[in-house]
Amino acid sequence: AYKLNPRLGWTLASRILYAGFPEVACEIYPNLHVSSSPDIPVVVLQNDLGECARMFPNDTKALTRLAELQLQSGDMAAAQRSYEEAIRRDSDYFESHPQERSRYDGTRALKRP
């Protein structure tokens, strides 16, 4: 359904998540883009991805998608924490995702307050 109408993707995934089918919802979330649902606040999307990351502690997809959203919203410290948790879960993550490595390095280059 979300492939037919991407604007409904986030709403559909959220409903599925909280209806008790997190494995289905958490497979959908990483494939969605904020631009497809501009009416949904980014914080809601971040919360749902955080929930997926919590429910599936061996998966890195939700965490790295969360980091991307955090970067887009300008929260470099949160993005860095999300990437570091992904690395903790899968130490070889950046080997197969070099574009993510450059994003993570960008978060580390900024000084923390």
PDB file of N, CA and C in Angstrom:
ATOM      1  N   ALA A   1       0.828  -1.195   0.000  1.00  0.00           N
ATOM      2  CA  ALA A   1       0.000   0.000   0.000  1.00  0.00           C
ATOM      3  C   ALA A   1       0.869   1.255   0.000  1.00  0.00           C
ATOM      4  N   TYR A   2       1.962   1.247   0.765  1.00  0.00           N
ATOM      5  CA  TYR A   2       2.792   2.453   0.810  1.00  0.00           C
ATOM      6  C   TYR A   2       3.521   2.680  -0.496  1.00  0.00           C
ATOM      7  N   LYS A   3       3.788   1.627  -1.252  1.00  0.00           N
ATOM      8  CA  LYS A   3       4.433   1.803  -2.555  1.00  0.00           C
ATOM      9  C   LYS A   3       3.476   2.447  -3.548  1.00  0.00           C
ATOM     10  N   LEU A   4       2.194   2.168  -3.413  1.00  0.00           N
ATOM     11  CA  LEU A   4       1.206   2.770  -4.298  1.00  0.00           C
ATOM     12  C   LEU A   4       0.979   4.242  -3.968  1.00  0.00           C
ATOM     13  N   ASN A   5       1.072   4.579  -2.697  1.00  0.00           N
ATOM     14  CA  ASN A   5       0.878   5.960  -2.277  1.00  0.00           C
ATOM     15  C   ASN A   5       1.896   6.295  -1.184  1.00  0.00           C
ATOM     16  N   PRO A   6       3.085   6.749  -1.579  1.00  0.00           N
ATOM     17  CA  PRO A   6       4.142   7.036  -0.596  1.00  0.00           C
ATOM     18  C   PRO A   6       3.751   8.049   0.466  1.00  0.00           C
ATOM     19  N   ARG A   7       2.804   8.934   0.179  1.00  0.00           N
ATOM     20  CA  ARG A   7       2.372   9.918   1.181  1.00  0.00           C
ATOM     21  C   ARG A   7       1.725   9.244   2.378  1.00  0.00           C
ATOM     22  N   LEU A   8       1.223   8.044   2.195  1.00  0.00           N
ATOM     23  CA  LEU A   8       0.594   7.314   3.297  1.00  0.00           C
ATOM     24  C   LEU A   8       1.577   6.388   4.009  1.00  0.00           C
ATOM     25  N   GLY A   9       2.786   6.285   3.511  1.00  0.00           N
ATOM     26  CA  GLY A   9       3.759   5.341   4.048  1.00  0.00           C
ATOM     27  C   GLY A   9       4.022   5.465   5.526  1.00  0.00           C
ATOM     28  N   TRP A  10       4.327   6.685   5.988  1.00  0.00           N
ATOM     29  CA  TRP A  10       4.634   6.878   7.405  1.00  0.00           C
ATOM     30  C   TRP A  10       3.421   6.598   8.269  1.00  0.00           C
ATOM     31  N   THR A  11       2.268   7.084   7.836  1.00  0.00           N
ATOM     32  CA  THR A  11       1.049   6.873   8.611  1.00  0.00           C
ATOM     33  C   THR A  11       0.714   5.388   8.684  1.00  0.00           C
ATOM     34  N   LEU A  12       0.812   4.715   7.562  1.00  0.00           N
ATOM     35  CA  LEU A  12       0.530   3.281   7.516  1.00  0.00           C
ATOM     36  C   LEU A  12       1.500   2.507   8.407  1.00  0.00           C
ATOM     37  N   ALA A  13       2.781   2.810   8.293  1.00  0.00           N
ATOM     38  CA  ALA A  13       3.781   2.105   9.101  1.00  0.00           C
ATOM     39  C   ALA A  13       3.547   2.358  10.588  1.00  0.00           C
ATOM     40  N   SER A  14       3.211   3.574  10.946  1.00  0.00           N
ATOM     41  CA  SER A  14       2.968   3.899  12.345  1.00  0.00           C
ATOM     42  C   SER A  14       1.760   3.135  12.881  1.00  0.00           C
ATOM     43  N   ARG A  15       0.721   3.088  12.104  1.00  0.00           N
ATOM     44  CA  ARG A  15      -0.464   2.330  12.531  1.00  0.00           C
ATOM     45  C   ARG A  15      -0.146   0.853  12.690  1.00  0.00           C
ATOM     46  N   ILE A  16       0.610   0.316  11.762  1.00  0.00           N
ATOM     47  CA  ILE A  16       0.993  -1.096  11.834  1.00  0.00           C
ATOM     48  C   ILE A  16       1.863  -1.340  13.061  1.00  0.00           C
ATOM     49  N   LEU A  17       2.799  -0.427  13.330  1.00  0.00           N
ATOM     50  CA  LEU A  17       3.693  -0.561  14.475  1.00  0.00           C
ATOM     51  C   LEU A  17       2.900  -0.647  15.776  1.00  0.00           C
ATOM     52  N   TYR A  18       2.004   0.297  15.972  1.00  0.00           N
ATOM     53  CA  TYR A  18       1.277   0.370  17.230  1.00  0.00           C
ATOM     54  C   TYR A  18       0.061  -0.560  17.279  1.00  0.00           C
ATOM     55  N   ALA A  19      -0.238  -1.223  16.163  1.00  0.00           N
ATOM     56  CA  ALA A  19      -1.303  -2.231  16.151  1.00  0.00           C
ATOM     57  C   ALA A  19      -0.756  -3.606  16.540  1.00  0.00           C
ATOM     58  N   GLY A  20       0.549  -3.682  16.725  1.00  0.00           N
ATOM     59  CA  GLY A  20       1.130  -4.936  17.192  1.00  0.00           C
ATOM     60  C   GLY A  20       1.879  -5.728  16.139  1.00  0.00           C
ATOM     61  N   PHE A  21       2.242  -5.092  15.031  1.00  0.00           N
ATOM     62  CA  PHE A  21       2.993  -5.773  13.983  1.00  0.00           C
ATOM     63  C   PHE A  21       4.300  -5.031  13.703  1.00  0.00           C
ATOM     64  N   PRO A  22       5.154  -4.918  14.719  1.00  0.00           N
ATOM     65  CA  PRO A  22       6.371  -4.116  14.556  1.00  0.00           C
ATOM     66  C   PRO A  22       7.320  -4.646  13.490  1.00  0.00           C
ATOM     67  N   GLU A  23       7.372  -5.950  13.298  1.00  0.00           N
ATOM     68  CA  GLU A  23       8.294  -6.484  12.295  1.00  0.00           C
ATOM     69  C   GLU A  23       7.935  -5.997  10.896  1.00  0.00           C
ATOM     70  N   VAL A  24       6.644  -5.834  10.612  1.00  0.00           N
ATOM     71  CA  VAL A  24       6.203  -5.325   9.309  1.00  0.00           C
ATOM     72  C   VAL A  24       6.507  -3.829   9.217  1.00  0.00           C
ATOM     73  N   ALA A  25       6.109  -3.087  10.219  1.00  0.00           N
ATOM     74  CA  ALA A  25       6.325  -1.636  10.216  1.00  0.00           C
ATOM     75  C   ALA A  25       7.808  -1.291  10.125  1.00  0.00           C
ATOM     76  N   CYS A  26       8.629  -2.001  10.860  1.00  0.00           N
ATOM     77  CA  CYS A  26      10.059  -1.684  10.904  1.00  0.00           C
ATOM     78  C   CYS A  26      10.785  -2.090   9.629  1.00  0.00           C
ATOM     79  N   GLU A  27      10.143  -2.862   8.792  1.00  0.00           N
ATOM     80  CA  GLU A  27      10.692  -3.138   7.461  1.00  0.00           C
ATOM     81  C   GLU A  27      10.320  -2.016   6.497  1.00  0.00           C
ATOM     82  N   ILE A  28       9.196  -1.362   6.756  1.00  0.00           N
ATOM     83  CA  ILE A  28       8.739  -0.275   5.887  1.00  0.00           C
ATOM     84  C   ILE A  28       9.509   1.019   6.157  1.00  0.00           C
ATOM     85  N   TYR A  29       9.684   1.370   7.422  1.00  0.00           N
ATOM     86  CA  TYR A  29      10.280   2.660   7.791  1.00  0.00           C
ATOM     87  C   TYR A  29      11.581   3.010   7.064  1.00  0.00           C
ATOM     88  N   PRO A  30      12.560   2.118   7.010  1.00  0.00           N
ATOM     89  CA  PRO A  30      13.820   2.511   6.375  1.00  0.00           C
ATOM     90  C   PRO A  30      13.699   2.862   4.892  1.00  0.00           C
ATOM     91  N   ASN A  31      12.606   2.477   4.261  1.00  0.00           N
ATOM     92  CA  ASN A  31      12.419   2.751   2.839  1.00  0.00           C
ATOM     93  C   ASN A  31      11.670   4.046   2.560  1.00  0.00           C
ATOM     94  N   LEU A  32      11.254   4.733   3.598  1.00  0.00           N
ATOM     95  CA  LEU A  32      10.456   5.941   3.433  1.00  0.00           C
ATOM     96  C   LEU A  32      11.315   7.197   3.512  1.00  0.00           C
ATOM     97  N   HIS A  33      10.813   8.258   2.943  1.00  0.00           N
ATOM     98  CA  HIS A  33      11.520   9.541   2.945  1.00  0.00           C
ATOM     99  C   HIS A  33      10.628  10.612   3.550  1.00  0.00           C
ATOM    100  N   VAL A  34      11.221  11.530   4.265  1.00  0.00           N
ATOM    101  CA  VAL A  34      10.481  12.603   4.916  1.00  0.00           C
ATOM    102  C   VAL A  34       9.712  13.415   3.880  1.00  0.00           C
ATOM    103  N   SER A  35      10.302  13.631   2.734  1.00  0.00           N
ATOM    104  CA  SER A  35       9.648  14.453   1.712  1.00  0.00           C
ATOM    105  C   SER A  35       8.334  13.851   1.223  1.00  0.00           C
ATOM    106  N   SER A  36       8.162  12.540   1.413  1.00  0.00           N
ATOM    107  CA  SER A  36       6.914  11.916   0.969  1.00  0.00           C
ATOM    108  C   SER A  36       5.768  12.177   1.939  1.00  0.00           C
ATOM    109  N   SER A  37       6.070  12.625   3.148  1.00  0.00           N
ATOM    110  CA  SER A  37       5.040  12.922   4.149  1.00  0.00           C
ATOM    111  C   SER A  37       5.365  14.211   4.884  1.00  0.00           C
ATOM    112  N   PRO A  38       5.310  15.336   4.180  1.00  0.00           N
ATOM    113  CA  PRO A  38       5.701  16.599   4.815  1.00  0.00           C
ATOM    114  C   PRO A  38       4.775  17.045   5.940  1.00  0.00           C
ATOM    115  N   ASP A  39       3.582  16.467   6.026  1.00  0.00           N
ATOM    116  CA  ASP A  39       2.624  16.875   7.050  1.00  0.00           C
ATOM    117  C   ASP A  39       2.867  16.199   8.396  1.00  0.00           C
ATOM    118  N   ILE A  40       3.760  15.227   8.442  1.00  0.00           N
ATOM    119  CA  ILE A  40       4.056  14.524   9.690  1.00  0.00           C
ATOM    120  C   ILE A  40       5.295  15.154  10.319  1.00  0.00           C
ATOM    121  N   PRO A  41       5.229  15.574  11.572  1.00  0.00           N
ATOM    122  CA  PRO A  41       6.402  16.172  12.225  1.00  0.00           C
ATOM    123  C   PRO A  41       7.579  15.183  12.280  1.00  0.00           C
ATOM    124  N   VAL A  42       8.760  15.688  12.025  1.00  0.00           N
ATOM    125  CA  VAL A  42       9.960  14.853  12.010  1.00  0.00           C
ATOM    126  C   VAL A  42      10.147  14.141  13.347  1.00  0.00           C
ATOM    127  N   VAL A  43       9.793  14.789  14.443  1.00  0.00           N
ATOM    128  CA  VAL A  43       9.960  14.164  15.758  1.00  0.00           C
ATOM    129  C   VAL A  43       9.122  12.886  15.867  1.00  0.00           C
ATOM    130  N   VAL A  44       7.968  12.849  15.239  1.00  0.00           N
ATOM    131  CA  VAL A  44       7.134  11.642  15.245  1.00  0.00           C
ATOM    132  C   VAL A  44       7.839  10.527  14.485  1.00  0.00           C
ATOM    133  N   LEU A  45       8.405  10.869  13.351  1.00  0.00           N
ATOM    134  CA  LEU A  45       9.127   9.882  12.554  1.00  0.00           C
ATOM    135  C   LEU A  45      10.343   9.360  13.327  1.00  0.00           C
ATOM    136  N   GLN A  46      11.042  10.262  13.990  1.00  0.00           N
ATOM    137  CA  GLN A  46      12.201   9.864  14.775  1.00  0.00           C
ATOM    138  C   GLN A  46      11.788   8.946  15.922  1.00  0.00           C
ATOM    139  N   ASN A  47      10.685   9.251  16.579  1.00  0.00           N
ATOM    140  CA  ASN A  47      10.211   8.397  17.675  1.00  0.00           C
ATOM    141  C   ASN A  47       9.886   6.994  17.183  1.00  0.00           C
ATOM    142  N   ASP A  48       9.225   6.895  16.031  1.00  0.00           N
ATOM    143  CA  ASP A  48       8.876   5.581  15.492  1.00  0.00           C
ATOM    144  C   ASP A  48      10.125   4.784  15.118  1.00  0.00           C
ATOM    145  N   LEU A  49      11.097   5.439  14.500  1.00  0.00           N
ATOM    146  CA  LEU A  49      12.341   4.740  14.172  1.00  0.00           C
ATOM    147  C   LEU A  49      13.096   4.339  15.435  1.00  0.00           C
ATOM    148  N   GLY A  50      13.064   5.181  16.451  1.00  0.00           N
ATOM    149  CA  GLY A  50      13.684   4.844  17.731  1.00  0.00           C
ATOM    150  C   GLY A  50      13.018   3.629  18.353  1.00  0.00           C
ATOM    151  N   GLU A  51      11.709   3.553  18.221  1.00  0.00           N
ATOM    152  CA  GLU A  51      10.971   2.397  18.733  1.00  0.00           C
ATOM    153  C   GLU A  51      11.386   1.126  17.991  1.00  0.00           C
ATOM    154  N   CYS A  52      11.544   1.206  16.687  1.00  0.00           N
ATOM    155  CA  CYS A  52      12.005   0.049  15.908  1.00  0.00           C
ATOM    156  C   CYS A  52      13.411  -0.368  16.359  1.00  0.00           C
ATOM    157  N   ALA A  53      14.268   0.609  16.575  1.00  0.00           N
ATOM    158  CA  ALA A  53      15.632   0.313  17.017  1.00  0.00           C
ATOM    159  C   ALA A  53      15.618  -0.384  18.372  1.00  0.00           C
ATOM    160  N   ARG A  54      14.703   0.025  19.238  1.00  0.00           N
ATOM    161  CA  ARG A  54      14.593  -0.592  20.557  1.00  0.00           C
ATOM    162  C   ARG A  54      14.033  -2.016  20.463  1.00  0.00           C
ATOM    163  N   MET A  55      13.036  -2.206  19.620  1.00  0.00           N
ATOM    164  CA  MET A  55      12.379  -3.512  19.504  1.00  0.00           C
ATOM    165  C   MET A  55      13.250  -4.566  18.836  1.00  0.00           C
ATOM    166  N   PHE A  56      14.127  -4.119  17.938  1.00  0.00           N
ATOM    167  CA  PHE A  56      14.968  -5.054  17.194  1.00  0.00           C
ATOM    168  C   PHE A  56      16.439  -4.684  17.409  1.00  0.00           C
ATOM    169  N   PRO A  57      17.001  -5.108  18.543  1.00  0.00           N
ATOM    170  CA  PRO A  57      18.349  -4.673  18.925  1.00  0.00           C
ATOM    171  C   PRO A  57      19.487  -5.180  18.041  1.00  0.00           C
ATOM    172  N   ASN A  58      19.221  -6.123  17.150  1.00  0.00           N
ATOM    173  CA  ASN A  58      20.282  -6.602  16.262  1.00  0.00           C
ATOM    174  C   ASN A  58      20.231  -5.943  14.895  1.00  0.00           C
ATOM    175  N   ASP A  59      19.227  -5.132  14.655  1.00  0.00           N
ATOM    176  CA  ASP A  59      19.048  -4.496  13.359  1.00  0.00           C
ATOM    177  C   ASP A  59      19.640  -3.088  13.378  1.00  0.00           C
ATOM    178  N   THR A  60      20.273  -2.698  12.292  1.00  0.00           N
ATOM    179  CA  THR A  60      20.860  -1.361  12.202  1.00  0.00           C
ATOM    180  C   THR A  60      20.092  -0.437  11.263  1.00  0.00           C
ATOM    181  N   LYS A  61      19.153  -0.975  10.493  1.00  0.00           N
ATOM    182  CA  LYS A  61      18.449  -0.148   9.505  1.00  0.00           C
ATOM    183  C   LYS A  61      17.694   1.014  10.140  1.00  0.00           C
ATOM    184  N   ALA A  62      16.951   0.739  11.180  1.00  0.00           N
ATOM    185  CA  ALA A  62      16.176   1.804  11.824  1.00  0.00           C
ATOM    186  C   ALA A  62      17.105   2.844  12.446  1.00  0.00           C
ATOM    187  N   LEU A  63      18.192   2.395  13.056  1.00  0.00           N
ATOM    188  CA  LEU A  63      19.133   3.330  13.682  1.00  0.00           C
ATOM    189  C   LEU A  63      19.779   4.259  12.671  1.00  0.00           C
ATOM    190  N   THR A  64      20.211   3.717  11.550  1.00  0.00           N
ATOM    191  CA  THR A  64      20.887   4.566  10.576  1.00  0.00           C
ATOM    192  C   THR A  64      19.896   5.482   9.865  1.00  0.00           C
ATOM    193  N   ARG A  65      18.673   5.035   9.686  1.00  0.00           N
ATOM    194  CA  ARG A  65      17.642   5.901   9.111  1.00  0.00           C
ATOM    195  C   ARG A  65      17.309   7.018  10.113  1.00  0.00           C
ATOM    196  N   LEU A  66      17.274   6.669  11.388  1.00  0.00           N
ATOM    197  CA  LEU A  66      17.064   7.662  12.433  1.00  0.00           C
ATOM    198  C   LEU A  66      18.191   8.694  12.415  1.00  0.00           C
ATOM    199  N   ALA A  67      19.417   8.238  12.268  1.00  0.00           N
ATOM    200  CA  ALA A  67      20.561   9.152  12.203  1.00  0.00           C
ATOM    201  C   ALA A  67      20.431  10.111  11.026  1.00  0.00           C
ATOM    202  N   GLU A  68      19.967   9.611   9.890  1.00  0.00           N
ATOM    203  CA  GLU A  68      19.767  10.483   8.727  1.00  0.00           C
ATOM    204  C   GLU A  68      18.752  11.588   9.034  1.00  0.00           C
ATOM    205  N   LEU A  69      17.645  11.208   9.671  1.00  0.00           N
ATOM    206  CA  LEU A  69      16.628  12.204  10.025  1.00  0.00           C
ATOM    207  C   LEU A  69      17.172  13.212  11.033  1.00  0.00           C
ATOM    208  N   GLN A  70      17.974  12.728  11.966  1.00  0.00           N
ATOM    209  CA  GLN A  70      18.571  13.626  12.953  1.00  0.00           C
ATOM    210  C   GLN A  70      19.534  14.601  12.290  1.00  0.00           C
ATOM    211  N   LEU A  71      20.280  14.111  11.313  1.00  0.00           N
ATOM    212  CA  LEU A  71      21.161  15.007  10.561  1.00  0.00           C
ATOM    213  C   LEU A  71      20.360  16.057   9.811  1.00  0.00           C
ATOM    214  N   GLN A  72      19.283  15.641   9.170  1.00  0.00           N
ATOM    215  CA  GLN A  72      18.450  16.575   8.410  1.00  0.00           C
ATOM    216  C   GLN A  72      17.848  17.649   9.302  1.00  0.00           C
ATOM    217  N   SER A  73      17.556  17.290  10.542  1.00  0.00           N
ATOM    218  CA  SER A  73      16.970  18.276  11.451  1.00  0.00           C
ATOM    219  C   SER A  73      18.038  19.080  12.189  1.00  0.00           C
ATOM    220  N   GLY A  74      19.326  18.781  11.935  1.00  0.00           N
ATOM    221  CA  GLY A  74      20.422  19.548  12.518  1.00  0.00           C
ATOM    222  C   GLY A  74      20.895  19.082  13.880  1.00  0.00           C
ATOM    223  N   ASP A  75      20.426  17.930  14.333  1.00  0.00           N
ATOM    224  CA  ASP A  75      20.830  17.418  15.644  1.00  0.00           C
ATOM    225  C   ASP A  75      22.021  16.468  15.470  1.00  0.00           C
ATOM    226  N   MET A  76      23.188  17.064  15.324  1.00  0.00           N
ATOM    227  CA  MET A  76      24.406  16.288  15.056  1.00  0.00           C
ATOM    228  C   MET A  76      24.765  15.346  16.202  1.00  0.00           C
ATOM    229  N   ALA A  77      24.581  15.782  17.439  1.00  0.00           N
ATOM    230  CA  ALA A  77      24.927  14.932  18.584  1.00  0.00           C
ATOM    231  C   ALA A  77      24.056  13.681  18.616  1.00  0.00           C
ATOM    232  N   ALA A  78      22.762  13.835  18.364  1.00  0.00           N
ATOM    233  CA  ALA A  78      21.870  12.672  18.349  1.00  0.00           C
ATOM    234  C   ALA A  78      22.214  11.744  17.194  1.00  0.00           C
ATOM    235  N   ALA A  79      22.536  12.317  16.033  1.00  0.00           N
ATOM    236  CA  ALA A  79      22.917  11.501  14.880  1.00  0.00           C
ATOM    237  C   ALA A  79      24.183  10.704  15.187  1.00  0.00           C
ATOM    238  N   GLN A  80      25.145  11.361  15.830  1.00  0.00           N
ATOM    239  CA  GLN A  80      26.377  10.673  16.189  1.00  0.00           C
ATOM    240  C   GLN A  80      26.084   9.515  17.131  1.00  0.00           C
ATOM    241  N   ARG A  81      25.228   9.711  18.120  1.00  0.00           N
ATOM    242  CA  ARG A  81      24.869   8.629  19.049  1.00  0.00           C
ATOM    243  C   ARG A  81      24.181   7.475  18.323  1.00  0.00           C
ATOM    244  N   SER A  82      23.313   7.794  17.388  1.00  0.00           N
ATOM    245  CA  SER A  82      22.624   6.742  16.636  1.00  0.00           C
ATOM    246  C   SER A  82      23.609   5.938  15.795  1.00  0.00           C
ATOM    247  N   TYR A  83      24.524   6.633  15.121  1.00  0.00           N
ATOM    248  CA  TYR A  83      25.542   5.919  14.339  1.00  0.00           C
ATOM    249  C   TYR A  83      26.430   5.064  15.240  1.00  0.00           C
ATOM    250  N   GLU A  84      26.808   5.594  16.387  1.00  0.00           N
ATOM    251  CA  GLU A  84      27.661   4.828  17.294  1.00  0.00           C
ATOM    252  C   GLU A  84      26.955   3.590  17.816  1.00  0.00           C
ATOM    253  N   GLU A  85      25.649   3.683  18.042  1.00  0.00           N
ATOM    254  CA  GLU A  85      24.889   2.499  18.455  1.00  0.00           C
ATOM    255  C   GLU A  85      24.830   1.487  17.311  1.00  0.00           C
ATOM    256  N   ALA A  86      24.693   1.959  16.081  1.00  0.00           N
ATOM    257  CA  ALA A  86      24.700   1.045  14.926  1.00  0.00           C
ATOM    258  C   ALA A  86      26.043   0.325  14.821  1.00  0.00           C
ATOM    259  N   ILE A  87      27.131   1.052  15.058  1.00  0.00           N
ATOM    260  CA  ILE A  87      28.468   0.447  15.018  1.00  0.00           C
ATOM    261  C   ILE A  87      28.619  -0.571  16.144  1.00  0.00           C
ATOM    262  N   ARG A  88      28.072  -0.250  17.308  1.00  0.00           N
ATOM    263  CA  ARG A  88      28.140  -1.186  18.426  1.00  0.00           C
ATOM    264  C   ARG A  88      27.401  -2.486  18.077  1.00  0.00           C
ATOM    265  N   ARG A  89      26.284  -2.346  17.396  1.00  0.00           N
ATOM    266  CA  ARG A  89      25.504  -3.528  17.016  1.00  0.00           C
ATOM    267  C   ARG A  89      26.150  -4.327  15.892  1.00  0.00           C
ATOM    268  N   ASP A  90      26.815  -3.621  14.980  1.00  0.00           N
ATOM    269  CA  ASP A  90      27.447  -4.279  13.834  1.00  0.00           C
ATOM    270  C   ASP A  90      28.767  -3.567  13.556  1.00  0.00           C
ATOM    271  N   SER A  91      29.846  -4.118  14.078  1.00  0.00           N
ATOM    272  CA  SER A  91      31.151  -3.454  13.966  1.00  0.00           C
ATOM    273  C   SER A  91      31.625  -3.310  12.517  1.00  0.00           C
ATOM    274  N   ASP A  92      31.084  -4.086  11.606  1.00  0.00           N
ATOM    275  CA  ASP A  92      31.470  -4.006  10.199  1.00  0.00           C
ATOM    276  C   ASP A  92      30.496  -3.179   9.359  1.00  0.00           C
ATOM    277  N   TYR A  93      29.593  -2.460  10.006  1.00  0.00           N
ATOM    278  CA  TYR A  93      28.554  -1.739   9.288  1.00  0.00           C
ATOM    279  C   TYR A  93      29.123  -0.795   8.232  1.00  0.00           C
ATOM    280  N   PHE A  94      30.124  -0.021   8.582  1.00  0.00           N
ATOM    281  CA  PHE A  94      30.656   0.967   7.648  1.00  0.00           C
ATOM    282  C   PHE A  94      31.417   0.334   6.486  1.00  0.00           C
ATOM    283  N   GLU A  95      31.839  -0.889   6.639  1.00  0.00           N
ATOM    284  CA  GLU A  95      32.511  -1.578   5.530  1.00  0.00           C
ATOM    285  C   GLU A  95      31.554  -1.751   4.354  1.00  0.00           C
ATOM    286  N   SER A  96      30.309  -2.058   4.653  1.00  0.00           N
ATOM    287  CA  SER A  96      29.323  -2.264   3.587  1.00  0.00           C
ATOM    288  C   SER A  96      28.486  -1.018   3.297  1.00  0.00           C
ATOM    289  N   HIS A  97      28.669   0.044   4.068  1.00  0.00           N
ATOM    290  CA  HIS A  97      27.925   1.293   3.879  1.00  0.00           C
ATOM    291  C   HIS A  97      28.867   2.496   3.969  1.00  0.00           C
ATOM    292  N   PRO A  98      29.776   2.648   3.016  1.00  0.00           N
ATOM    293  CA  PRO A  98      30.758   3.742   3.113  1.00  0.00           C
ATOM    294  C   PRO A  98      30.135   5.138   3.087  1.00  0.00           C
ATOM    295  N   GLN A  99      28.989   5.313   2.434  1.00  0.00           N
ATOM    296  CA  GLN A  99      28.346   6.630   2.417  1.00  0.00           C
ATOM    297  C   GLN A  99      27.888   7.022   3.813  1.00  0.00           C
ATOM    298  N   GLU A 100      27.502   6.052   4.607  1.00  0.00           N
ATOM    299  CA  GLU A 100      27.113   6.323   5.987  1.00  0.00           C
ATOM    300  C   GLU A 100      28.335   6.719   6.809  1.00  0.00           C
ATOM    301  N   ARG A 101      29.468   6.141   6.481  1.00  0.00           N
ATOM    302  CA  ARG A 101      30.705   6.468   7.198  1.00  0.00           C
ATOM    303  C   ARG A 101      31.036   7.950   7.052  1.00  0.00           C
ATOM    304  N   SER A 102      30.873   8.469   5.841  1.00  0.00           N
ATOM    305  CA  SER A 102      31.189   9.883   5.638  1.00  0.00           C
ATOM    306  C   SER A 102      30.216  10.775   6.411  1.00  0.00           C
ATOM    307  N   ARG A 103      28.951  10.368   6.515  1.00  0.00           N
ATOM    308  CA  ARG A 103      27.990  11.137   7.317  1.00  0.00           C
ATOM    309  C   ARG A 103      28.377  11.099   8.796  1.00  0.00           C
ATOM    310  N   TYR A 104      28.745   9.918   9.267  1.00  0.00           N
ATOM    311  CA  TYR A 104      29.152   9.778  10.667  1.00  0.00           C
ATOM    312  C   TYR A 104      30.396  10.613  10.951  1.00  0.00           C
ATOM    313  N   ASP A 105      31.364  10.557  10.056  1.00  0.00           N
ATOM    314  CA  ASP A 105      32.578  11.355  10.233  1.00  0.00           C
ATOM    315  C   ASP A 105      32.245  12.844  10.302  1.00  0.00           C
ATOM    316  N   GLY A 106      31.230  13.261   9.550  1.00  0.00           N
ATOM    317  CA  GLY A 106      30.795  14.653   9.591  1.00  0.00           C
ATOM    318  C   GLY A 106      30.246  15.035  10.971  1.00  0.00           C
ATOM    319  N   THR A 107      29.556  14.115  11.617  1.00  0.00           N
ATOM    320  CA  THR A 107      29.026  14.408  12.946  1.00  0.00           C
ATOM    321  C   THR A 107      30.149  14.477  13.975  1.00  0.00           C
ATOM    322  N   ARG A 108      31.172  13.691  13.780  1.00  0.00           N
ATOM    323  CA  ARG A 108      32.295  13.669  14.731  1.00  0.00           C
ATOM    324  C   ARG A 108      33.173  14.900  14.569  1.00  0.00           C
ATOM    325  N   ALA A 109      33.165  15.503  13.381  1.00  0.00           N
ATOM    326  CA  ALA A 109      34.016  16.658  13.137  1.00  0.00           C
ATOM    327  C   ALA A 109      33.542  17.895  13.908  1.00  0.00           C
ATOM    328  N   LEU A 110      32.279  17.904  14.271  1.00  0.00           N
ATOM    329  CA  LEU A 110      31.738  19.036  15.025  1.00  0.00           C
ATOM    330  C   LEU A 110      32.085  18.900  16.497  1.00  0.00           C
ATOM    331  N   LYS A 111      32.430  20.003  17.105  1.00  0.00           N
ATOM    332  CA  LYS A 111      32.750  19.979  18.537  1.00  0.00           C
ATOM    333  C   LYS A 111      31.462  19.956  19.341  1.00  0.00           C
ATOM    334  N   ARG A 112      31.486  19.180  20.395  1.00  0.00           N
ATOM    335  CA  ARG A 112      30.336  19.139  21.295  1.00  0.00           C
ATOM    336  C   ARG A 112      30.436  20.273  22.290  1.00  0.00           C
ATOM    337  N   PRO A 113      29.285  20.821  22.684  1.00  0.00           N
ATOM    338  CA  PRO A 113      29.298  21.929  23.660  1.00  0.00           C
ATOM    339  C   PRO A 113      29.762  21.459  25.021  1.00  0.00           C
TER     340      PRO A 113
END
